[in-house]
């Protein structure tokens, strides 16, 4: 599923959707599943030098985020918990 142009006010540069099965889950401190992650988006706020990787639910709502110095770094440091489905990234200019 294609993401919106902006997520949390940041422009989507690259994204990936897991399909029917989530990339992984975010658990509570008690170990229960709190969120399933279906969308990953690398985004950048206007005027910001860093990029952010947003981990999103089925509605492209951000569940977690982290900042990186480059797009490549954001892809390289994908947490093990989000590797249940292989990520094949799409540039946002290919989604229009």
PDB file of N, CA and C in Angstrom:
ATOM      1  N   UNK A   1       0.846  -1.179   0.000  1.00  0.00           N
ATOM      2  CA  UNK A   1       0.000   0.000   0.000  1.00  0.00           C
ATOM      3  C   UNK A   1       0.890   1.239   0.000  1.00  0.00           C
ATOM      4  N   UNK A   2       0.630   2.108  -0.908  1.00  0.00           N
ATOM      5  CA  UNK A   2       1.403   3.331  -1.078  1.00  0.00           C
ATOM      6  C   UNK A   2       1.207   4.267   0.124  1.00  0.00           C
ATOM      7  N   UNK A   3       2.300   4.893   0.603  1.00  0.00           N
ATOM      8  CA  UNK A   3       2.178   5.805   1.747  1.00  0.00           C
ATOM      9  C   UNK A   3       1.673   7.176   1.309  1.00  0.00           C
ATOM     10  N   UNK A   4       1.285   7.998   2.280  1.00  0.00           N
ATOM     11  CA  UNK A   4       0.980   9.386   1.949  1.00  0.00           C
ATOM     12  C   UNK A   4       2.280  10.107   1.581  1.00  0.00           C
ATOM     13  N   UNK A   5       2.182  11.278   1.003  1.00  0.00           N
ATOM     14  CA  UNK A   5       3.364  12.059   0.628  1.00  0.00           C
ATOM     15  C   UNK A   5       4.159  12.489   1.860  1.00  0.00           C
ATOM     16  N   UNK A   6       3.446  12.788   2.942  1.00  0.00           N
ATOM     17  CA  UNK A   6       4.069  13.193   4.203  1.00  0.00           C
ATOM     18  C   UNK A   6       3.629  12.252   5.311  1.00  0.00           C
ATOM     19  N   UNK A   7       4.560  11.906   6.186  1.00  0.00           N
ATOM     20  CA  UNK A   7       4.239  11.158   7.400  1.00  0.00           C
ATOM     21  C   UNK A   7       4.734  11.990   8.567  1.00  0.00           C
ATOM     22  N   UNK A   8       3.853  12.301   9.474  1.00  0.00           N
ATOM     23  CA  UNK A   8       4.190  13.153  10.623  1.00  0.00           C
ATOM     24  C   UNK A   8       4.854  14.459  10.183  1.00  0.00           C
ATOM     25  N   UNK A   9       4.473  14.970   9.018  1.00  0.00           N
ATOM     26  CA  UNK A   9       4.999  16.240   8.518  1.00  0.00           C
ATOM     27  C   UNK A   9       6.318  16.130   7.779  1.00  0.00           C
ATOM     28  N   UNK A  10       6.867  14.928   7.647  1.00  0.00           N
ATOM     29  CA  UNK A  10       8.139  14.723   6.949  1.00  0.00           C
ATOM     30  C   UNK A  10       7.876  14.102   5.577  1.00  0.00           C
ATOM     31  N   UNK A  11       8.634  14.551   4.572  1.00  0.00           N
ATOM     32  CA  UNK A  11       8.462  14.048   3.213  1.00  0.00           C
ATOM     33  C   UNK A  11       8.993  12.618   3.100  1.00  0.00           C
ATOM     34  N   UNK A  12       8.193  11.748   2.497  1.00  0.00           N
ATOM     35  CA  UNK A  12       8.590  10.352   2.283  1.00  0.00           C
ATOM     36  C   UNK A  12       9.563  10.311   1.110  1.00  0.00           C
ATOM     37  N   UNK A  13      10.778   9.803   1.361  1.00  0.00           N
ATOM     38  CA  UNK A  13      11.807   9.673   0.330  1.00  0.00           C
ATOM     39  C   UNK A  13      11.814   8.276  -0.273  1.00  0.00           C
ATOM     40  N   UNK A  14      11.746   7.278   0.587  1.00  0.00           N
ATOM     41  CA  UNK A  14      11.682   5.877   0.172  1.00  0.00           C
ATOM     42  C   UNK A  14      10.773   5.136   1.141  1.00  0.00           C
ATOM     43  N   UNK A  15      10.180   4.058   0.653  1.00  0.00           N
ATOM     44  CA  UNK A  15       9.241   3.322   1.492  1.00  0.00           C
ATOM     45  C   UNK A  15       9.164   1.868   1.058  1.00  0.00           C
ATOM     46  N   UNK A  16       8.599   1.072   1.945  1.00  0.00           N
ATOM     47  CA  UNK A  16       8.366  -0.336   1.640  1.00  0.00           C
ATOM     48  C   UNK A  16       7.134  -0.785   2.429  1.00  0.00           C
ATOM     49  N   UNK A  17       6.336  -1.643   1.811  1.00  0.00           N
ATOM     50  CA  UNK A  17       5.118  -2.187   2.420  1.00  0.00           C
ATOM     51  C   UNK A  17       5.272  -3.693   2.497  1.00  0.00           C
ATOM     52  N   UNK A  18       4.917  -4.290   3.615  1.00  0.00           N
ATOM     53  CA  UNK A  18       5.155  -5.724   3.817  1.00  0.00           C
ATOM     54  C   UNK A  18       4.108  -6.631   3.175  1.00  0.00           C
ATOM     55  N   UNK A  19       2.960  -6.096   2.845  1.00  0.00           N
ATOM     56  CA  UNK A  19       1.910  -6.936   2.270  1.00  0.00           C
ATOM     57  C   UNK A  19       0.988  -7.465   3.352  1.00  0.00           C
ATOM     58  N   UNK A  20       0.607  -8.736   3.241  1.00  0.00           N
ATOM     59  CA  UNK A  20      -0.332  -9.337   4.195  1.00  0.00           C
ATOM     60  C   UNK A  20       0.286  -9.670   5.547  1.00  0.00           C
ATOM     61  N   UNK A  21       1.593  -9.872   5.573  1.00  0.00           N
ATOM     62  CA  UNK A  21       2.284 -10.222   6.814  1.00  0.00           C
ATOM     63  C   UNK A  21       3.163  -9.056   7.257  1.00  0.00           C
ATOM     64  N   UNK A  22       3.170  -8.737   8.537  1.00  0.00           N
ATOM     65  CA  UNK A  22       3.961  -7.597   9.005  1.00  0.00           C
ATOM     66  C   UNK A  22       5.462  -7.869   8.954  1.00  0.00           C
ATOM     67  N   UNK A  23       6.237  -6.780   8.862  1.00  0.00           N
ATOM     68  CA  UNK A  23       7.694  -6.890   8.974  1.00  0.00           C
ATOM     69  C   UNK A  23       8.071  -7.425  10.342  1.00  0.00           C
ATOM     70  N   UNK A  24       7.270  -7.075  11.333  1.00  0.00           N
ATOM     71  CA  UNK A  24       7.534  -7.483  12.697  1.00  0.00           C
ATOM     72  C   UNK A  24       6.552  -6.804  13.632  1.00  0.00           C
ATOM     73  N   UNK A  25       6.860  -6.854  14.912  1.00  0.00           N
ATOM     74  CA  UNK A  25       5.954  -6.304  15.909  1.00  0.00           C
ATOM     75  C   UNK A  25       6.716  -5.451  16.920  1.00  0.00           C
ATOM     76  N   UNK A  26       5.965  -4.585  17.573  1.00  0.00           N
ATOM     77  CA  UNK A  26       6.459  -3.833  18.722  1.00  0.00           C
ATOM     78  C   UNK A  26       5.716  -4.395  19.922  1.00  0.00           C
ATOM     79  N   UNK A  27       6.476  -4.780  20.942  1.00  0.00           N
ATOM     80  CA  UNK A  27       5.868  -5.395  22.122  1.00  0.00           C
ATOM     81  C   UNK A  27       5.874  -4.449  23.316  1.00  0.00           C
ATOM     82  N   UNK A  28       4.964  -4.703  24.232  1.00  0.00           N
ATOM     83  CA  UNK A  28       4.919  -3.969  25.491  1.00  0.00           C
ATOM     84  C   UNK A  28       6.020  -4.496  26.410  1.00  0.00           C
ATOM     85  N   UNK A  29       6.222  -3.837  27.520  1.00  0.00           N
ATOM     86  CA  UNK A  29       7.207  -4.305  28.512  1.00  0.00           C
ATOM     87  C   UNK A  29       6.874  -5.704  29.013  1.00  0.00           C
ATOM     88  N   UNK A  30       5.596  -6.047  29.004  1.00  0.00           N
ATOM     89  CA  UNK A  30       5.155  -7.378  29.453  1.00  0.00           C
ATOM     90  C   UNK A  30       5.317  -8.437  28.364  1.00  0.00           C
ATOM     91  N   UNK A  31       5.785  -8.022  27.174  1.00  0.00           N
ATOM     92  CA  UNK A  31       6.009  -8.970  26.093  1.00  0.00           C
ATOM     93  C   UNK A  31       4.823  -9.207  25.189  1.00  0.00           C
ATOM     94  N   UNK A  32       3.745  -8.457  25.392  1.00  0.00           N
ATOM     95  CA  UNK A  32       2.562  -8.596  24.533  1.00  0.00           C
ATOM     96  C   UNK A  32       2.731  -7.739  23.281  1.00  0.00           C
ATOM     97  N   UNK A  33       2.141  -8.181  22.173  1.00  0.00           N
ATOM     98  CA  UNK A  33       2.207  -7.419  20.934  1.00  0.00           C
ATOM     99  C   UNK A  33       1.360  -6.166  21.072  1.00  0.00           C
ATOM    100  N   UNK A  34       1.990  -5.020  20.892  1.00  0.00           N
ATOM    101  CA  UNK A  34       1.279  -3.741  20.965  1.00  0.00           C
ATOM    102  C   UNK A  34       0.920  -3.244  19.569  1.00  0.00           C
ATOM    103  N   UNK A  35       1.848  -3.431  18.606  1.00  0.00           N
ATOM    104  CA  UNK A  35       1.641  -2.959  17.237  1.00  0.00           C
ATOM    105  C   UNK A  35       2.295  -3.921  16.262  1.00  0.00           C
ATOM    106  N   UNK A  36       1.673  -4.078  15.100  1.00  0.00           N
ATOM    107  CA  UNK A  36       2.284  -4.788  13.989  1.00  0.00           C
ATOM    108  C   UNK A  36       2.783  -3.741  13.001  1.00  0.00           C
ATOM    109  N   UNK A  37       3.982  -3.963  12.469  1.00  0.00           N
ATOM    110  CA  UNK A  37       4.604  -3.003  11.557  1.00  0.00           C
ATOM    111  C   UNK A  37       4.465  -3.508  10.120  1.00  0.00           C
ATOM    112  N   UNK A  38       3.724  -2.754   9.315  1.00  0.00           N
ATOM    113  CA  UNK A  38       3.503  -3.099   7.912  1.00  0.00           C
ATOM    114  C   UNK A  38       4.213  -2.165   6.948  1.00  0.00           C
ATOM    115  N   UNK A  39       4.455  -0.939   7.364  1.00  0.00           N
ATOM    116  CA  UNK A  39       5.101   0.041   6.496  1.00  0.00           C
ATOM    117  C   UNK A  39       6.355   0.598   7.132  1.00  0.00           C
ATOM    118  N   UNK A  40       7.390   0.738   6.313  1.00  0.00           N
ATOM    119  CA  UNK A  40       8.616   1.413   6.731  1.00  0.00           C
ATOM    120  C   UNK A  40       8.838   2.555   5.748  1.00  0.00           C
ATOM    121  N   UNK A  41       9.154   3.726   6.267  1.00  0.00           N
ATOM    122  CA  UNK A  41       9.353   4.888   5.401  1.00  0.00           C
ATOM    123  C   UNK A  41      10.571   5.668   5.864  1.00  0.00           C
ATOM    124  N   UNK A  42      11.399   6.023   4.898  1.00  0.00           N
ATOM    125  CA  UNK A  42      12.525   6.901   5.183  1.00  0.00           C
ATOM    126  C   UNK A  42      12.082   8.295   4.771  1.00  0.00           C
ATOM    127  N   UNK A  43      12.101   9.204   5.737  1.00  0.00           N
ATOM    128  CA  UNK A  43      11.526  10.527   5.545  1.00  0.00           C
ATOM    129  C   UNK A  43      12.506  11.603   5.980  1.00  0.00           C
ATOM    130  N   UNK A  44      12.222  12.844   5.531  1.00  0.00           N
ATOM    131  CA  UNK A  44      13.060  13.974   5.933  1.00  0.00           C
ATOM    132  C   UNK A  44      12.188  15.211   6.088  1.00  0.00           C
ATOM    133  N   UNK A  45      12.419  15.888   7.207  1.00  0.00           N
ATOM    134  CA  UNK A  45      11.734  17.159   7.443  1.00  0.00           C
ATOM    135  C   UNK A  45      12.435  18.253   6.653  1.00  0.00           C
ATOM    136  N   UNK A  46      11.682  19.208   6.161  1.00  0.00           N
ATOM    137  CA  UNK A  46      12.222  20.323   5.401  1.00  0.00           C
ATOM    138  C   UNK A  46      13.298  21.036   6.214  1.00  0.00           C
ATOM    139  N   UNK A  47      14.463  21.225   5.612  1.00  0.00           N
ATOM    140  CA  UNK A  47      15.557  21.924   6.263  1.00  0.00           C
ATOM    141  C   UNK A  47      16.379  21.080   7.216  1.00  0.00           C
ATOM    142  N   UNK A  48      16.028  19.826   7.403  1.00  0.00           N
ATOM    143  CA  UNK A  48      16.748  18.946   8.318  1.00  0.00           C
ATOM    144  C   UNK A  48      17.835  18.196   7.544  1.00  0.00           C
ATOM    145  N   UNK A  49      18.967  17.956   8.172  1.00  0.00           N
ATOM    146  CA  UNK A  49      20.063  17.237   7.523  1.00  0.00           C
ATOM    147  C   UNK A  49      19.964  15.731   7.700  1.00  0.00           C
ATOM    148  N   UNK A  50      19.308  15.283   8.734  1.00  0.00           N
ATOM    149  CA  UNK A  50      19.178  13.853   8.982  1.00  0.00           C
ATOM    150  C   UNK A  50      17.910  13.317   8.334  1.00  0.00           C
ATOM    151  N   UNK A  51      17.850  11.996   8.189  1.00  0.00           N
ATOM    152  CA  UNK A  51      16.639  11.327   7.720  1.00  0.00           C
ATOM    153  C   UNK A  51      16.116  10.467   8.862  1.00  0.00           C
ATOM    154  N   UNK A  52      14.856  10.126   8.787  1.00  0.00           N
ATOM    155  CA  UNK A  52      14.212   9.317   9.809  1.00  0.00           C
ATOM    156  C   UNK A  52      13.626   8.078   9.159  1.00  0.00           C
ATOM    157  N   UNK A  53      13.736   6.965   9.852  1.00  0.00           N
ATOM    158  CA  UNK A  53      13.029   5.767   9.409  1.00  0.00           C
ATOM    159  C   UNK A  53      11.830   5.604  10.335  1.00  0.00           C
ATOM    160  N   UNK A  54      10.642   5.732   9.753  1.00  0.00           N
ATOM    161  CA  UNK A  54       9.407   5.563  10.502  1.00  0.00           C
ATOM    162  C   UNK A  54       8.926   4.127  10.334  1.00  0.00           C
ATOM    163  N   UNK A  55       8.569   3.512  11.435  1.00  0.00           N
ATOM    164  CA  UNK A  55       7.956   2.191  11.445  1.00  0.00           C
ATOM    165  C   UNK A  55       6.471   2.419  11.669  1.00  0.00           C
ATOM    166  N   UNK A  56       5.637   1.944  10.727  1.00  0.00           N
ATOM    167  CA  UNK A  56       4.225   2.320  10.715  1.00  0.00           C
ATOM    168  C   UNK A  56       3.288   1.111  10.765  1.00  0.00           C
ATOM    169  N   UNK A  57       2.078   1.377  11.242  1.00  0.00           N
ATOM    170  CA  UNK A  57       1.044   0.343  11.270  1.00  0.00           C
ATOM    171  C   UNK A  57       0.359   0.263   9.901  1.00  0.00           C
ATOM    172  N   UNK A  58      -0.758  -0.462   9.816  1.00  0.00           N
ATOM    173  CA  UNK A  58      -1.470  -0.643   8.537  1.00  0.00           C
ATOM    174  C   UNK A  58      -2.027   0.649   7.945  1.00  0.00           C
ATOM    175  N   UNK A  59      -2.121   1.709   8.751  1.00  0.00           N
ATOM    176  CA  UNK A  59      -2.667   2.985   8.287  1.00  0.00           C
ATOM    177  C   UNK A  59      -1.585   4.042   8.094  1.00  0.00           C
ATOM    178  N   UNK A  60      -0.342   3.622   8.026  1.00  0.00           N
ATOM    179  CA  UNK A  60       0.803   4.522   7.916  1.00  0.00           C
ATOM    180  C   UNK A  60       0.892   5.491   9.094  1.00  0.00           C
ATOM    181  N   UNK A  61       0.410   5.064  10.257  1.00  0.00           N
ATOM    182  CA  UNK A  61       0.579   5.844  11.481  1.00  0.00           C
ATOM    183  C   UNK A  61       1.901   5.416  12.114  1.00  0.00           C
ATOM    184  N   UNK A  62       2.721   6.385  12.484  1.00  0.00           N
ATOM    185  CA  UNK A  62       4.036   6.091  13.043  1.00  0.00           C
ATOM    186  C   UNK A  62       3.932   5.447  14.419  1.00  0.00           C
ATOM    187  N   UNK A  63       4.620   4.330  14.578  1.00  0.00           N
ATOM    188  CA  UNK A  63       4.688   3.623  15.846  1.00  0.00           C
ATOM    189  C   UNK A  63       6.051   3.878  16.498  1.00  0.00           C
ATOM    190  N   UNK A  64       7.111   3.860  15.678  1.00  0.00           N
ATOM    191  CA  UNK A  64       8.466   4.128  16.150  1.00  0.00           C
ATOM    192  C   UNK A  64       9.210   4.910  15.080  1.00  0.00           C
ATOM    193  N   UNK A  65      10.251   5.638  15.515  1.00  0.00           N
ATOM    194  CA  UNK A  65      11.121   6.289  14.547  1.00  0.00           C
ATOM    195  C   UNK A  65      12.531   6.349  15.096  1.00  0.00           C
ATOM    196  N   UNK A  66      13.469   6.562  14.193  1.00  0.00           N
ATOM    197  CA  UNK A  66      14.863   6.728  14.579  1.00  0.00           C
ATOM    198  C   UNK A  66      15.514   7.592  13.513  1.00  0.00           C
ATOM    199  N   UNK A  67      16.556   8.333  13.881  1.00  0.00           N
ATOM    200  CA  UNK A  67      17.225   9.228  12.937  1.00  0.00           C
ATOM    201  C   UNK A  67      18.551   8.624  12.480  1.00  0.00           C
ATOM    202  N   UNK A  68      18.931   8.998  11.244  1.00  0.00           N
ATOM    203  CA  UNK A  68      20.146   8.482  10.612  1.00  0.00           C
ATOM    204  C   UNK A  68      20.792   9.587   9.802  1.00  0.00           C
ATOM    205  N   UNK A  69      22.077   9.407   9.492  1.00  0.00           N
ATOM    206  CA  UNK A  69      22.773  10.429   8.711  1.00  0.00           C
ATOM    207  C   UNK A  69      22.562  10.255   7.206  1.00  0.00           C
ATOM    208  N   UNK A  70      22.053   9.092   6.792  1.00  0.00           N
ATOM    209  CA  UNK A  70      21.825   8.857   5.365  1.00  0.00           C
ATOM    210  C   UNK A  70      20.708   7.829   5.162  1.00  0.00           C
ATOM    211  N   UNK A  71      20.207   7.800   3.951  1.00  0.00           N
ATOM    212  CA  UNK A  71      19.200   6.803   3.573  1.00  0.00           C
ATOM    213  C   UNK A  71      19.792   5.401   3.681  1.00  0.00           C
ATOM    214  N   UNK A  72      21.029   5.249   3.190  1.00  0.00           N
ATOM    215  CA  UNK A  72      21.675   3.931   3.246  1.00  0.00           C
ATOM    216  C   UNK A  72      21.810   3.437   4.681  1.00  0.00           C
ATOM    217  N   UNK A  73      22.170   4.335   5.600  1.00  0.00           N
ATOM    218  CA  UNK A  73      22.303   3.942   6.999  1.00  0.00           C
ATOM    219  C   UNK A  73      20.951   3.522   7.577  1.00  0.00           C
ATOM    220  N   UNK A  74      19.897   4.227   7.224  1.00  0.00           N
ATOM    221  CA  UNK A  74      18.557   3.890   7.715  1.00  0.00           C
ATOM    222  C   UNK A  74      18.143   2.493   7.255  1.00  0.00           C
ATOM    223  N   UNK A  75      18.525   2.119   6.051  1.00  0.00           N
ATOM    224  CA  UNK A  75      18.217   0.784   5.536  1.00  0.00           C
ATOM    225  C   UNK A  75      19.110  -0.272   6.173  1.00  0.00           C
ATOM    226  N   UNK A  76      20.386   0.056   6.342  1.00  0.00           N
ATOM    227  CA  UNK A  76      21.360  -0.893   6.868  1.00  0.00           C
ATOM    228  C   UNK A  76      21.055  -1.308   8.301  1.00  0.00           C
ATOM    229  N   UNK A  77      20.564  -0.378   9.099  1.00  0.00           N
ATOM    230  CA  UNK A  77      20.340  -0.658  10.513  1.00  0.00           C
ATOM    231  C   UNK A  77      18.878  -0.984  10.822  1.00  0.00           C
ATOM    232  N   UNK A  78      18.251  -1.710   9.919  1.00  0.00           N
ATOM    233  CA  UNK A  78      16.887  -2.176  10.146  1.00  0.00           C
ATOM    234  C   UNK A  78      16.912  -3.203  11.284  1.00  0.00           C
ATOM    235  N   UNK A  79      16.164  -2.949  12.368  1.00  0.00           N
ATOM    236  CA  UNK A  79      16.212  -3.868  13.511  1.00  0.00           C
ATOM    237  C   UNK A  79      15.799  -5.296  13.134  1.00  0.00           C
ATOM    238  N   UNK A  80      16.385  -6.259  13.810  1.00  0.00           N
ATOM    239  CA  UNK A  80      16.078  -7.672  13.565  1.00  0.00           C
ATOM    240  C   UNK A  80      14.592  -7.951  13.727  1.00  0.00           C
ATOM    241  N   UNK A  81      13.925  -7.219  14.632  1.00  0.00           N
ATOM    242  CA  UNK A  81      12.498  -7.436  14.859  1.00  0.00           C
ATOM    243  C   UNK A  81      11.650  -7.056  13.654  1.00  0.00           C
ATOM    244  N   UNK A  82      12.219  -6.328  12.685  1.00  0.00           N
ATOM    245  CA  UNK A  82      11.479  -5.917  11.485  1.00  0.00           C
ATOM    246  C   UNK A  82      11.955  -6.648  10.236  1.00  0.00           C
ATOM    247  N   UNK A  83      12.507  -7.833  10.392  1.00  0.00           N
ATOM    248  CA  UNK A  83      13.034  -8.554   9.242  1.00  0.00           C
ATOM    249  C   UNK A  83      12.286  -9.857   8.965  1.00  0.00           C
ATOM    250  N   UNK A  84      11.033  -9.937   9.397  1.00  0.00           N
ATOM    251  CA  UNK A  84      10.219 -11.125   9.115  1.00  0.00           C
ATOM    252  C   UNK A  84       9.838 -11.206   7.644  1.00  0.00           C
ATOM    253  N   UNK A  85       9.792 -10.072   6.968  1.00  0.00           N
ATOM    254  CA  UNK A  85       9.504  -9.983   5.536  1.00  0.00           C
ATOM    255  C   UNK A  85      10.635  -9.171   4.918  1.00  0.00           C
ATOM    256  N   UNK A  86      11.147  -9.613   3.769  1.00  0.00           N
ATOM    257  CA  UNK A  86      12.238  -8.905   3.093  1.00  0.00           C
ATOM    258  C   UNK A  86      11.757  -7.532   2.622  1.00  0.00           C
ATOM    259  N   UNK A  87      12.559  -6.519   2.886  1.00  0.00           N
ATOM    260  CA  UNK A  87      12.230  -5.146   2.486  1.00  0.00           C
ATOM    261  C   UNK A  87      12.813  -4.841   1.114  1.00  0.00           C
ATOM    262  N   UNK A  88      11.947  -4.485   0.163  1.00  0.00           N
ATOM    263  CA  UNK A  88      12.362  -4.027  -1.162  1.00  0.00           C
ATOM    264  C   UNK A  88      11.889  -2.589  -1.284  1.00  0.00           C
ATOM    265  N   UNK A  89      12.821  -1.651  -1.181  1.00  0.00           N
ATOM    266  CA  UNK A  89      12.498  -0.229  -1.076  1.00  0.00           C
ATOM    267  C   UNK A  89      12.086   0.371  -2.419  1.00  0.00           C
ATOM    268  N   UNK A  90      11.169   1.339  -2.351  1.00  0.00           N
ATOM    269  CA  UNK A  90      10.683   2.079  -3.512  1.00  0.00           C
ATOM    270  C   UNK A  90      10.936   3.564  -3.277  1.00  0.00           C
ATOM    271  N   UNK A  91      11.501   4.238  -4.274  1.00  0.00           N
ATOM    272  CA  UNK A  91      11.695   5.688  -4.194  1.00  0.00           C
ATOM    273  C   UNK A  91      10.348   6.371  -4.323  1.00  0.00           C
ATOM    274  N   UNK A  92      10.151   7.430  -3.583  1.00  0.00           N
ATOM    275  CA  UNK A  92       8.843   8.097  -3.588  1.00  0.00           C
ATOM    276  C   UNK A  92       8.498   8.678  -4.953  1.00  0.00           C
ATOM    277  N   UNK A  93       9.485   9.069  -5.762  1.00  0.00           N
ATOM    278  CA  UNK A  93       9.174   9.610  -7.082  1.00  0.00           C
ATOM    279  C   UNK A  93       8.611   8.560  -8.030  1.00  0.00           C
ATOM    280  N   UNK A  94       8.711   7.291  -7.661  1.00  0.00           N
ATOM    281  CA  UNK A  94       8.148   6.206  -8.476  1.00  0.00           C
ATOM    282  C   UNK A  94       6.711   5.895  -8.063  1.00  0.00           C
ATOM    283  N   UNK A  95       6.201   6.586  -7.028  1.00  0.00           N
ATOM    284  CA  UNK A  95       4.865   6.268  -6.534  1.00  0.00           C
ATOM    285  C   UNK A  95       3.802   7.186  -7.097  1.00  0.00           C
ATOM    286  N   UNK A  96       4.195   8.208  -7.840  1.00  0.00           N
ATOM    287  CA  UNK A  96       3.208   9.173  -8.341  1.00  0.00           C
ATOM    288  C   UNK A  96       2.604   8.730  -9.646  1.00  0.00           C
TER     289      UNK A  96
END
